[in-house]
Amino acid sequence: MMDKTSNAMPPLSRRGILAAALAVGAAGVAAPAFAAAKKGAPGTVPFTVRGASFLLRNVLLETGYLREGSEVVGTETAKAAVLVQDGKIAAILPADAPAPAGTTVRDGAGMLLLPSFRDMHIHLDKTFYGGPWVPPRKRTDGIRGQIRLEQTLLPQLLPTLEERTGKLVDLLQSNGTTFARSQCNVDPVIGTRHVELLKHALDQRADGFGHEIVAFPQHGFVSANLIPTMRAAMAAGATHVGGIDPTTLDGGMEKSVDAMMQVALDMNKGVDIHLHEPGASGIAAIRRIADTVEREPSLRGKVTISHGFSMMALSAPEMEELAARLAAQQISVASTLPFGGHVMPIPILLDKGVRVYTGTDSVEDHWSVFGSGDVLEKAKLACQLYGWSDEYGISQSLKIATGGPTPLDAAGERAWPRAGDAADMVLVSASCSAEAVARLSPRKAVFHAGNLVAGALDAAA
């Protein structure tokens, strides 16, 4: 909230509002809570284990589906204890198992244990979250108008990028997310500075939050003569080469796609392209990407299509053919699950074996002010969009939030947790996954690599 001095300022232009808001935000932003927490302070984590062992007792684990004939009518659960060692789940033990000698014991209070969540499409470098409200304005000239705005805005944001990122990561952790793939601007205005600052901010939080960084050429790739800068971004720590609408924004599908894929091959990186453009040109880009992966098997499992709105226009047979090809080349899809006149064909993608991720995209920035930073909310939205309305469908939708893992597999066998899994987990006030999704149940304690990063736990009696 702005202080009294700020409220007394005369009316400002759009640029002035942004500058003033960011200045006030910079003055009032504290260091990230994870790094600066003091025991007992509001909003901090009172119990943290760093590379030690602990036994999490009195937790609820899903054990199978309750069926009437072939219909799933409920989820069976049982109390258990989970032993964590060196950031991994070492063993699943009976609820009354004694703790190994010298091991700290914590009480899960009978809450449901789930895999923690992964936000696979978010812009951590471009957010107003945690600072003063910046009034949104109507867009002019679509994406190109927003890009022109960024040419002025991004330099203003640079001084507070790390603080704002920290605030947003705090929000993600409080919602149960312990990993994010962040799209990060690389453009002619700020060069690689966003990648450098974002990587520094996230590296400081590595004990509590995992990440990947996509070098995102928001203003154009080939059209902006950005190939050398993108290579520099890879060298600065980006894990994925990004891309932007090859035909409608970057000026040439083949040249744009080929440049993106070549940088990834040359530097042994992944690919994650923003593909908003609809219709035939978007499908042509997807097929060219698949052609490249087919020729270069080293790219399998390392390529993601973000958004992919052109898929919404395909007939079911056409979509099935494309989805089968994406699955064969291990090309994943990251979707924010847009809703409107058309919806993304997520059920077909899943049915054909495509790995589908979701993300919260813009969280209070100049593109949108409606992002919540809660990917569990995205799983609930998927249920509503696709009619996954029974116990089985709702529980399996959890994979949208986790990036894949669910406590029970499709056959109802326990698939998570298992010994050897990363201790990335969240305790929720729910009786089963379906309830957690449908009710967006409160996340009471969140762990990354065994470290308690949000919420609180009591010592066992």
Protein backbone atom coordinates (compact mmCIF):
# COMPACT_ATOMS: atom_id res chain seq x y z
CA MET A 1 0.00 0.00 0.00
CA MET A 2 1.27 3.50 -0.80
CA ASP A 3 2.27 5.70 2.13
CA LYS A 4 0.80 9.15 2.83
CA THR A 5 3.50 10.91 0.87
CA SER A 6 2.73 8.78 -2.17
CA ASN A 7 -0.99 9.39 -1.87
CA ALA A 8 -0.36 13.14 -1.92
CA MET A 9 1.36 13.05 -5.31
CA PRO A 10 -0.33 14.78 -8.23
CA PRO A 11 -1.93 12.70 -11.01
CA LEU A 12 0.64 10.80 -13.06
CA SER A 13 0.88 9.51 -16.59
CA ARG A 14 0.87 5.75 -17.19
CA ARG A 15 4.67 5.81 -17.20
CA GLY A 16 4.71 7.95 -14.08
CA ILE A 17 2.32 5.63 -12.25
CA LEU A 18 4.58 2.68 -12.98
CA ALA A 19 7.72 4.50 -11.95
CA ALA A 20 6.18 5.80 -8.72
CA ALA A 21 4.66 2.46 -7.80
CA LEU A 22 7.89 0.64 -8.39
CA ALA A 23 9.85 3.19 -6.40
CA VAL A 24 7.50 2.83 -3.43
CA GLY A 25 7.60 -0.94 -3.83
CA ALA A 26 11.37 -0.97 -3.81
CA ALA A 27 11.44 1.05 -0.61
CA GLY A 28 9.03 -1.29 1.14
CA VAL A 29 10.10 -4.73 -0.11
CA ALA A 30 11.85 -6.89 2.47
CA ALA A 31 14.33 -9.65 1.77
CA PRO A 32 12.65 -12.94 0.84
CA ALA A 33 11.11 -14.61 3.87
CA PHE A 34 12.96 -17.87 3.28
CA ALA A 35 16.33 -16.14 3.45
CA ALA A 36 15.57 -13.65 6.23
CA ALA A 37 13.14 -15.53 8.47
CA LYS A 38 13.52 -15.17 12.21
CA LYS A 39 12.10 -17.85 14.46
CA GLY A 40 8.64 -16.91 15.65
CA ALA A 41 8.17 -13.99 13.25
CA PRO A 42 4.82 -13.84 11.41
CA GLY A 43 4.75 -15.86 8.21
CA THR A 44 8.04 -17.66 8.83
CA VAL A 45 8.81 -21.34 9.12
CA PRO A 46 9.54 -22.40 12.71
CA PHE A 47 11.01 -25.81 11.83
CA THR A 48 13.57 -26.45 9.12
CA VAL A 49 15.78 -29.45 8.49
CA ARG A 50 18.86 -28.96 6.34
CA GLY A 51 20.34 -32.21 5.05
CA ALA A 52 19.39 -34.05 8.25
CA SER A 53 17.03 -36.97 8.84
CA PHE A 54 13.55 -36.72 10.26
CA LEU A 55 10.53 -38.94 10.62
CA LEU A 56 7.20 -37.45 9.57
CA ARG A 57 4.67 -39.39 11.60
CA ASN A 58 0.88 -39.47 11.55
CA VAL A 59 0.32 -38.68 7.88
CA LEU A 60 -2.42 -39.95 5.61
CA LEU A 61 -1.42 -41.78 2.42
CA GLU A 62 -3.70 -42.98 -0.37
CA THR A 63 -3.64 -46.77 -0.74
CA GLY A 64 -6.20 -47.54 -3.46
CA TYR A 65 -9.59 -46.82 -4.96
CA LEU A 66 -12.83 -48.07 -3.46
CA ARG A 67 -14.96 -49.58 -6.23
CA GLU A 68 -18.49 -50.72 -6.85
CA GLY A 69 -18.10 -52.92 -9.88
CA SER A 70 -15.95 -50.93 -12.29
CA GLU A 71 -16.88 -47.55 -10.82
CA VAL A 72 -14.58 -45.72 -8.42
CA VAL A 73 -16.73 -44.55 -5.52
CA GLY A 74 -14.07 -43.46 -3.07
CA THR A 75 -10.40 -43.35 -2.15
CA GLU A 76 -8.91 -45.59 0.51
CA THR A 77 -6.25 -44.21 2.82
CA ALA A 78 -4.13 -45.30 5.76
CA LYS A 79 -1.95 -43.64 8.37
CA ALA A 80 1.79 -44.01 7.88
CA ALA A 81 5.14 -42.54 8.77
CA VAL A 82 7.61 -41.21 6.19
CA LEU A 83 11.35 -41.26 6.82
CA VAL A 84 13.30 -38.49 5.09
CA GLN A 85 17.07 -38.59 4.72
CA ASP A 86 19.29 -36.17 2.79
CA GLY A 87 16.40 -34.60 0.92
CA LYS A 88 14.88 -37.88 -0.25
CA ILE A 89 12.18 -40.21 0.98
CA ALA A 90 14.12 -43.10 2.50
CA ALA A 91 11.25 -45.33 3.57
CA ILE A 92 7.49 -45.58 4.06
CA LEU A 93 6.96 -47.06 7.52
CA PRO A 94 3.99 -48.26 9.58
CA ALA A 95 2.28 -45.51 11.50
CA ASP A 96 3.64 -46.78 14.84
CA ALA A 97 7.19 -47.56 13.67
CA PRO A 98 9.87 -46.38 16.08
CA ALA A 99 12.12 -43.57 14.92
CA PRO A 100 15.71 -44.46 14.10
CA ALA A 101 18.11 -43.46 16.85
CA GLY A 102 18.85 -39.74 16.87
CA THR A 103 16.14 -38.90 14.33
CA THR A 104 13.89 -35.89 14.85
CA VAL A 105 10.21 -36.78 14.84
CA ARG A 106 7.51 -34.42 13.58
CA ASP A 107 3.74 -34.76 13.70
CA GLY A 108 1.77 -34.63 10.43
CA ALA A 109 -1.45 -34.17 12.44
CA GLY A 110 -3.33 -36.74 10.34
CA MET A 111 -3.14 -34.61 7.20
CA LEU A 112 -2.96 -35.96 3.65
CA LEU A 113 0.51 -36.08 2.11
CA LEU A 114 0.75 -35.18 -1.60
CA PRO A 115 3.61 -34.54 -4.01
CA SER A 116 4.36 -30.83 -4.08
CA PHE A 117 3.40 -28.82 -7.14
CA ARG A 118 5.31 -27.55 -10.17
CA ASP A 119 4.48 -24.29 -11.93
CA MET A 120 5.77 -24.97 -15.43
CA HIS A 121 4.94 -21.66 -17.08
CA ILE A 122 5.34 -18.46 -15.11
CA HIS A 123 7.11 -15.12 -15.56
CA LEU A 124 8.94 -14.58 -12.27
CA ASP A 125 10.92 -11.67 -13.71
CA LYS A 126 7.90 -9.60 -14.71
CA THR A 127 5.56 -9.11 -11.78
CA PHE A 128 4.15 -6.32 -9.62
CA TYR A 129 3.21 -8.86 -6.95
CA GLY A 130 4.15 -7.83 -3.42
CA GLY A 131 4.26 -4.12 -4.25
CA PRO A 132 1.71 -1.37 -4.69
CA TRP A 133 -1.24 -1.86 -7.01
CA VAL A 134 -0.48 -0.75 -10.56
CA PRO A 135 -3.75 0.14 -12.33
CA PRO A 136 -4.21 -2.03 -15.44
CA ARG A 137 -5.04 -0.30 -18.71
CA LYS A 138 -6.74 -1.42 -21.88
CA ARG A 139 -4.36 -2.91 -24.40
CA THR A 140 -3.68 -1.20 -27.68
CA ASP A 141 -2.29 -3.01 -30.71
CA GLY A 142 -2.28 -6.43 -29.02
CA ILE A 143 1.04 -8.13 -28.28
CA ARG A 144 3.02 -5.52 -30.20
CA GLY A 145 1.56 -2.76 -28.05
CA GLN A 146 2.58 -4.62 -24.89
CA ILE A 147 6.08 -5.09 -26.28
CA ARG A 148 6.39 -1.35 -26.86
CA LEU A 149 5.31 -0.80 -23.25
CA GLU A 150 8.02 -3.18 -22.07
CA GLN A 151 10.71 -1.16 -23.80
CA THR A 152 10.08 1.57 -21.22
CA LEU A 153 8.87 -0.56 -18.33
CA LEU A 154 11.56 -3.24 -18.05
CA PRO A 155 14.44 -0.84 -17.30
CA GLN A 156 12.28 0.66 -14.52
CA LEU A 157 11.71 -2.81 -13.07
CA LEU A 158 15.35 -3.91 -13.05
CA PRO A 159 16.33 -2.49 -9.63
CA THR A 160 13.59 -4.47 -7.84
CA LEU A 161 13.58 -7.68 -9.90
CA GLU A 162 15.15 -9.88 -7.24
CA GLU A 163 12.94 -8.57 -4.45
CA ARG A 164 9.77 -8.99 -6.51
CA THR A 165 10.83 -12.49 -7.54
CA GLY A 166 11.31 -13.38 -3.88
CA LYS A 167 7.83 -12.19 -2.98
CA LEU A 168 6.31 -14.24 -5.79
CA VAL A 169 8.27 -17.36 -4.84
CA ASP A 170 6.96 -16.93 -1.28
CA LEU A 171 3.43 -16.99 -2.71
CA LEU A 172 4.10 -20.08 -4.80
CA GLN A 173 5.55 -21.94 -1.83
CA SER A 174 2.58 -21.03 0.36
CA ASN A 175 0.37 -22.63 -2.31
CA GLY A 176 2.37 -25.86 -2.31
CA THR A 177 4.63 -25.19 -5.30
CA THR A 178 8.32 -25.98 -4.88
CA PHE A 179 9.49 -25.84 -8.52
CA ALA A 180 8.96 -23.39 -11.34
CA ARG A 181 10.04 -23.09 -14.94
CA SER A 182 10.27 -19.35 -15.37
CA GLN A 183 10.05 -17.64 -18.72
CA CYS A 184 12.58 -14.79 -18.55
CA ASN A 185 12.85 -11.90 -20.96
CA VAL A 186 15.85 -11.67 -23.25
CA ASP A 187 15.43 -8.72 -25.59
CA PRO A 188 17.23 -5.77 -27.21
CA VAL A 189 16.37 -3.48 -24.28
CA ILE A 190 17.56 -5.47 -21.26
CA GLY A 191 19.78 -8.03 -23.00
CA THR A 192 20.59 -10.86 -20.59
CA ARG A 193 20.19 -8.84 -17.36
CA HIS A 194 16.88 -10.52 -16.43
CA VAL A 195 18.43 -13.97 -16.77
CA GLU A 196 21.41 -12.95 -14.64
CA LEU A 197 19.32 -11.34 -11.89
CA LEU A 198 16.66 -14.05 -11.87
CA LYS A 199 19.25 -16.81 -11.68
CA HIS A 200 20.95 -15.07 -8.77
CA ALA A 201 17.64 -14.66 -6.92
CA LEU A 202 16.66 -18.30 -7.44
CA ASP A 203 20.10 -19.67 -6.64
CA GLN A 204 19.85 -17.92 -3.26
CA ARG A 205 16.73 -19.99 -2.56
CA ALA A 206 17.98 -23.33 -3.90
CA ASP A 207 17.42 -25.10 -0.55
CA GLY A 208 13.72 -24.34 -0.76
CA PHE A 209 12.81 -23.97 -4.40
CA GLY A 210 13.83 -25.68 -7.63
CA HIS A 211 13.84 -23.93 -10.97
CA GLU A 212 14.49 -23.87 -14.69
CA ILE A 213 14.90 -20.67 -16.70
CA VAL A 214 13.71 -20.19 -20.26
CA ALA A 215 15.43 -17.41 -22.20
CA PHE A 216 12.29 -15.88 -23.68
CA PRO A 217 12.67 -13.59 -26.74
CA GLN A 218 9.46 -11.67 -26.07
CA HIS A 219 10.27 -8.96 -28.62
CA GLY A 220 11.30 -11.37 -31.37
CA PHE A 221 14.05 -13.91 -32.03
CA VAL A 222 15.33 -13.67 -35.59
CA SER A 223 13.48 -10.42 -36.35
CA ALA A 224 15.21 -8.72 -33.40
CA ASN A 225 18.65 -10.07 -34.37
CA LEU A 226 18.74 -11.81 -31.03
CA ILE A 227 20.64 -15.03 -31.81
CA PRO A 228 23.97 -13.88 -30.22
CA THR A 229 22.12 -12.54 -27.16
CA MET A 230 20.20 -15.81 -26.78
CA ARG A 231 23.47 -17.72 -26.86
CA ALA A 232 24.80 -15.38 -24.17
CA ALA A 233 21.67 -16.07 -22.08
CA MET A 234 22.37 -19.79 -22.31
CA ALA A 235 25.91 -19.19 -21.12
CA ALA A 236 24.53 -17.04 -18.27
CA GLY A 237 22.51 -19.95 -16.89
CA ALA A 238 19.27 -20.32 -18.85
CA THR A 239 18.28 -23.97 -19.18
CA HIS A 240 15.94 -23.64 -22.16
CA VAL A 241 15.90 -21.72 -25.42
CA GLY A 242 12.61 -19.89 -25.80
CA GLY A 243 10.74 -18.77 -28.88
CA ILE A 244 7.85 -16.55 -29.91
CA ASP A 245 5.14 -16.85 -32.58
CA PRO A 246 7.34 -17.55 -35.62
CA THR A 247 4.93 -16.37 -38.33
CA THR A 248 2.77 -13.65 -36.80
CA LEU A 249 5.47 -11.95 -34.72
CA ASP A 250 8.93 -13.16 -35.71
CA GLY A 251 8.45 -12.76 -39.43
CA GLY A 252 9.26 -16.20 -40.81
CA MET A 253 8.30 -19.62 -39.50
CA GLU A 254 11.13 -21.74 -40.90
CA LYS A 255 13.90 -19.28 -40.07
CA SER A 256 12.60 -18.62 -36.55
CA VAL A 257 12.01 -22.26 -35.60
CA ASP A 258 15.28 -23.42 -37.12
CA ALA A 259 17.29 -20.76 -35.27
CA MET A 260 15.68 -21.68 -31.94
CA MET A 261 16.31 -25.40 -32.41
CA GLN A 262 19.88 -24.84 -33.60
CA VAL A 263 20.83 -22.81 -30.53
CA ALA A 264 19.42 -25.58 -28.34
CA LEU A 265 21.41 -28.23 -30.23
CA ASP A 266 24.62 -26.23 -30.22
CA MET A 267 24.46 -25.51 -26.49
CA ASN A 268 22.83 -28.75 -25.30
CA LYS A 269 19.76 -27.01 -23.90
CA GLY A 270 16.03 -27.61 -23.85
CA VAL A 271 13.39 -25.73 -25.85
CA ASP A 272 10.18 -24.05 -24.66
CA ILE A 273 8.39 -21.91 -27.24
CA HIS A 274 5.53 -19.45 -26.67
CA LEU A 275 3.15 -20.37 -29.48
CA HIS A 276 0.05 -18.19 -29.28
CA GLU A 277 -0.70 -17.89 -32.98
CA PRO A 278 -3.84 -19.75 -34.07
CA GLY A 279 -4.67 -21.79 -37.14
CA ALA A 280 -2.51 -23.27 -39.85
CA SER A 281 0.66 -21.28 -39.14
CA GLY A 282 0.77 -22.45 -35.52
CA ILE A 283 0.26 -26.09 -36.54
CA ALA A 284 2.98 -25.74 -39.20
CA ALA A 285 5.40 -24.54 -36.51
CA ILE A 286 4.56 -27.48 -34.24
CA ARG A 287 5.12 -29.91 -37.09
CA ARG A 288 8.45 -28.33 -38.01
CA ILE A 289 9.56 -28.60 -34.38
CA ALA A 290 8.53 -32.29 -34.38
CA ASP A 291 10.44 -32.82 -37.66
CA THR A 292 13.58 -31.43 -36.05
CA VAL A 293 13.26 -33.61 -32.96
CA GLU A 294 12.71 -36.64 -35.17
CA ARG A 295 15.98 -35.85 -37.00
CA GLU A 296 17.82 -35.00 -33.78
CA PRO A 297 16.92 -37.61 -31.12
CA SER A 298 19.07 -35.82 -28.53
CA LEU A 299 16.19 -33.32 -28.25
CA ARG A 300 13.61 -35.93 -27.20
CA GLY A 301 12.19 -35.16 -23.79
CA LYS A 302 13.66 -31.64 -23.88
CA VAL A 303 11.08 -29.73 -25.98
CA THR A 304 7.90 -28.05 -24.74
CA ILE A 305 5.15 -26.26 -26.66
CA SER A 306 3.74 -23.55 -24.40
CA HIS A 307 0.15 -22.49 -25.05
CA GLY A 308 -0.22 -24.09 -28.51
CA PHE A 309 -3.54 -22.35 -29.13
CA SER A 310 -3.60 -23.56 -32.74
CA MET A 311 -4.44 -27.05 -31.47
CA MET A 312 -7.88 -25.80 -30.48
CA ALA A 313 -8.87 -25.49 -34.15
CA LEU A 314 -8.06 -29.09 -35.14
CA SER A 315 -10.70 -31.76 -35.61
CA ALA A 316 -10.50 -34.73 -33.23
CA PRO A 317 -8.84 -37.04 -35.82
CA GLU A 318 -6.30 -34.37 -36.75
CA MET A 319 -5.55 -33.71 -33.08
CA GLU A 320 -5.16 -37.41 -32.35
CA GLU A 321 -2.61 -37.72 -35.16
CA LEU A 322 -0.65 -34.70 -33.95
CA ALA A 323 -0.79 -35.82 -30.31
CA ALA A 324 0.52 -39.27 -31.21
CA ARG A 325 3.43 -37.64 -33.00
CA LEU A 326 4.22 -35.35 -30.07
CA ALA A 327 4.16 -38.34 -27.72
CA ALA A 328 6.48 -40.33 -30.00
CA GLN A 329 9.02 -37.49 -29.94
CA GLN A 330 8.49 -36.87 -26.18
CA ILE A 331 7.42 -33.29 -26.82
CA SER A 332 5.46 -31.91 -23.87
CA VAL A 333 2.76 -29.23 -23.75
CA ALA A 334 2.50 -26.47 -21.13
CA SER A 335 -0.99 -25.00 -21.01
CA THR A 336 -2.57 -22.37 -18.79
CA LEU A 337 -5.94 -24.01 -19.60
CA PRO A 338 -7.61 -21.04 -21.28
CA PHE A 339 -11.38 -21.07 -21.43
CA GLY A 340 -13.75 -19.43 -23.88
CA GLY A 341 -15.27 -20.35 -27.22
CA HIS A 342 -12.64 -23.06 -27.71
CA VAL A 343 -10.72 -25.11 -25.17
CA MET A 344 -7.37 -26.83 -25.37
CA PRO A 345 -7.59 -30.55 -26.31
CA ILE A 346 -5.89 -31.68 -23.10
CA PRO A 347 -7.82 -34.99 -22.83
CA ILE A 348 -6.61 -36.08 -26.28
CA LEU A 349 -3.02 -35.11 -25.45
CA LEU A 350 -3.13 -37.09 -22.20
CA ASP A 351 -4.84 -40.05 -23.85
CA LYS A 352 -2.07 -40.27 -26.46
CA GLY A 353 0.65 -40.12 -23.81
CA VAL A 354 1.76 -36.50 -24.13
CA ARG A 355 3.12 -35.05 -20.91
CA VAL A 356 0.98 -32.03 -20.06
CA TYR A 357 2.13 -29.32 -17.67
CA THR A 358 0.35 -26.24 -16.42
CA GLY A 359 1.45 -22.91 -15.03
CA THR A 360 0.04 -19.67 -13.67
CA ASP A 361 1.76 -17.52 -16.32
CA SER A 362 1.31 -13.83 -15.42
CA VAL A 363 0.82 -13.04 -11.74
CA GLU A 364 -0.10 -9.37 -11.36
CA ASP A 365 1.89 -7.85 -14.18
CA HIS A 366 1.29 -5.61 -17.19
CA TRP A 367 -0.03 -8.56 -19.18
CA SER A 368 -2.64 -9.74 -16.67
CA VAL A 369 -3.57 -9.05 -13.05
CA PHE A 370 -5.59 -12.23 -12.55
CA GLY A 371 -2.90 -14.89 -12.00
CA SER A 372 -3.19 -16.52 -8.57
CA GLY A 373 0.10 -18.39 -8.36
CA ASP A 374 -1.85 -21.56 -7.46
CA VAL A 375 -1.50 -24.50 -9.84
CA LEU A 376 -3.87 -26.63 -7.74
CA GLU A 377 -6.50 -24.16 -8.91
CA LYS A 378 -5.53 -25.12 -12.47
CA ALA A 379 -6.26 -28.79 -11.74
CA LYS A 380 -9.72 -27.80 -10.50
CA LEU A 381 -10.26 -25.71 -13.64
CA ALA A 382 -9.28 -28.70 -15.80
CA CYS A 383 -11.93 -30.80 -14.04
CA GLN A 384 -14.55 -28.18 -14.79
CA LEU A 385 -13.48 -27.72 -18.41
CA TYR A 386 -13.25 -31.38 -19.32
CA GLY A 387 -16.00 -32.92 -17.19
CA TRP A 388 -13.67 -34.83 -14.89
CA SER A 389 -16.36 -34.78 -12.24
CA ASP A 390 -16.17 -38.16 -10.50
CA GLU A 391 -13.78 -39.29 -7.76
CA TYR A 392 -11.43 -40.97 -10.22
CA GLY A 393 -11.24 -38.09 -12.70
CA ILE A 394 -10.77 -35.44 -10.04
CA SER A 395 -8.05 -37.38 -8.22
CA GLN A 396 -6.12 -38.09 -11.44
CA SER A 397 -6.31 -34.40 -12.41
CA LEU A 398 -3.74 -33.76 -9.69
CA LYS A 399 -1.07 -34.59 -12.30
CA ILE A 400 -1.85 -31.19 -13.86
CA ALA A 401 -0.55 -29.52 -10.70
CA THR A 402 2.36 -31.87 -9.90
CA GLY A 403 3.75 -32.18 -13.42
CA GLY A 404 3.03 -35.91 -13.44
CA PRO A 405 3.08 -37.72 -10.08
CA THR A 406 -0.18 -38.77 -8.42
CA PRO A 407 -0.51 -40.82 -5.22
CA LEU A 408 -2.44 -43.53 -7.13
CA ASP A 409 -1.82 -44.58 -10.71
CA ALA A 410 -4.61 -45.18 -13.23
CA ALA A 411 -5.10 -48.72 -11.94
CA GLY A 412 -5.40 -47.52 -8.35
CA GLU A 413 -2.01 -48.79 -7.20
CA ARG A 414 0.08 -46.57 -4.95
CA ALA A 415 2.58 -44.72 -7.15
CA TRP A 416 3.76 -42.05 -4.70
CA PRO A 417 5.54 -41.76 -2.34
CA ARG A 418 8.24 -44.36 -2.89
CA ALA A 419 11.68 -44.80 -1.42
CA GLY A 420 14.11 -42.76 -3.50
CA ASP A 421 11.62 -40.03 -4.44
CA ALA A 422 12.65 -36.46 -3.73
CA ALA A 423 11.12 -35.26 -0.47
CA ASP A 424 9.11 -32.60 -2.33
CA MET A 425 5.75 -32.86 -0.63
CA VAL A 426 2.83 -30.96 0.83
CA LEU A 427 0.50 -31.66 3.73
CA VAL A 428 -3.10 -30.65 3.06
CA SER A 429 -6.25 -30.61 5.15
CA ALA A 430 -8.12 -33.16 3.05
CA SER A 431 -9.13 -36.81 3.12
CA CYS A 432 -7.99 -37.58 -0.44
CA SER A 433 -6.65 -36.03 -3.66
CA ALA A 434 -10.14 -35.50 -5.06
CA GLU A 435 -11.14 -33.43 -2.04
CA ALA A 436 -7.89 -31.45 -2.18
CA VAL A 437 -8.55 -30.50 -5.82
CA ALA A 438 -12.28 -29.85 -5.55
CA ARG A 439 -12.05 -27.79 -2.37
CA LEU A 440 -8.61 -26.28 -2.96
CA SER A 441 -7.81 -27.52 0.52
CA PRO A 442 -5.43 -25.44 2.64
CA ARG A 443 -1.78 -26.34 2.30
CA LYS A 444 -0.49 -26.59 5.85
CA ALA A 445 3.16 -27.56 5.38
CA VAL A 446 5.31 -27.56 2.24
CA PHE A 447 8.66 -29.32 1.79
CA HIS A 448 11.35 -29.07 -0.87
CA ALA A 449 14.17 -31.63 -0.68
CA GLY A 450 13.07 -32.29 2.90
CA ASN A 451 13.26 -28.64 3.89
CA LEU A 452 10.12 -27.13 5.35
CA VAL A 453 9.65 -23.99 3.26
CA ALA A 454 6.10 -22.89 4.07
CA GLY A 455 3.63 -23.56 6.85
CA ALA A 456 4.47 -25.08 10.22
CA LEU A 457 4.71 -28.42 12.00
CA ASP A 458 4.81 -29.36 15.65
CA ALA A 459 7.25 -31.75 17.23
CA ALA A 460 5.73 -35.16 17.87
CA ALA A 461 4.67 -35.83 21.43
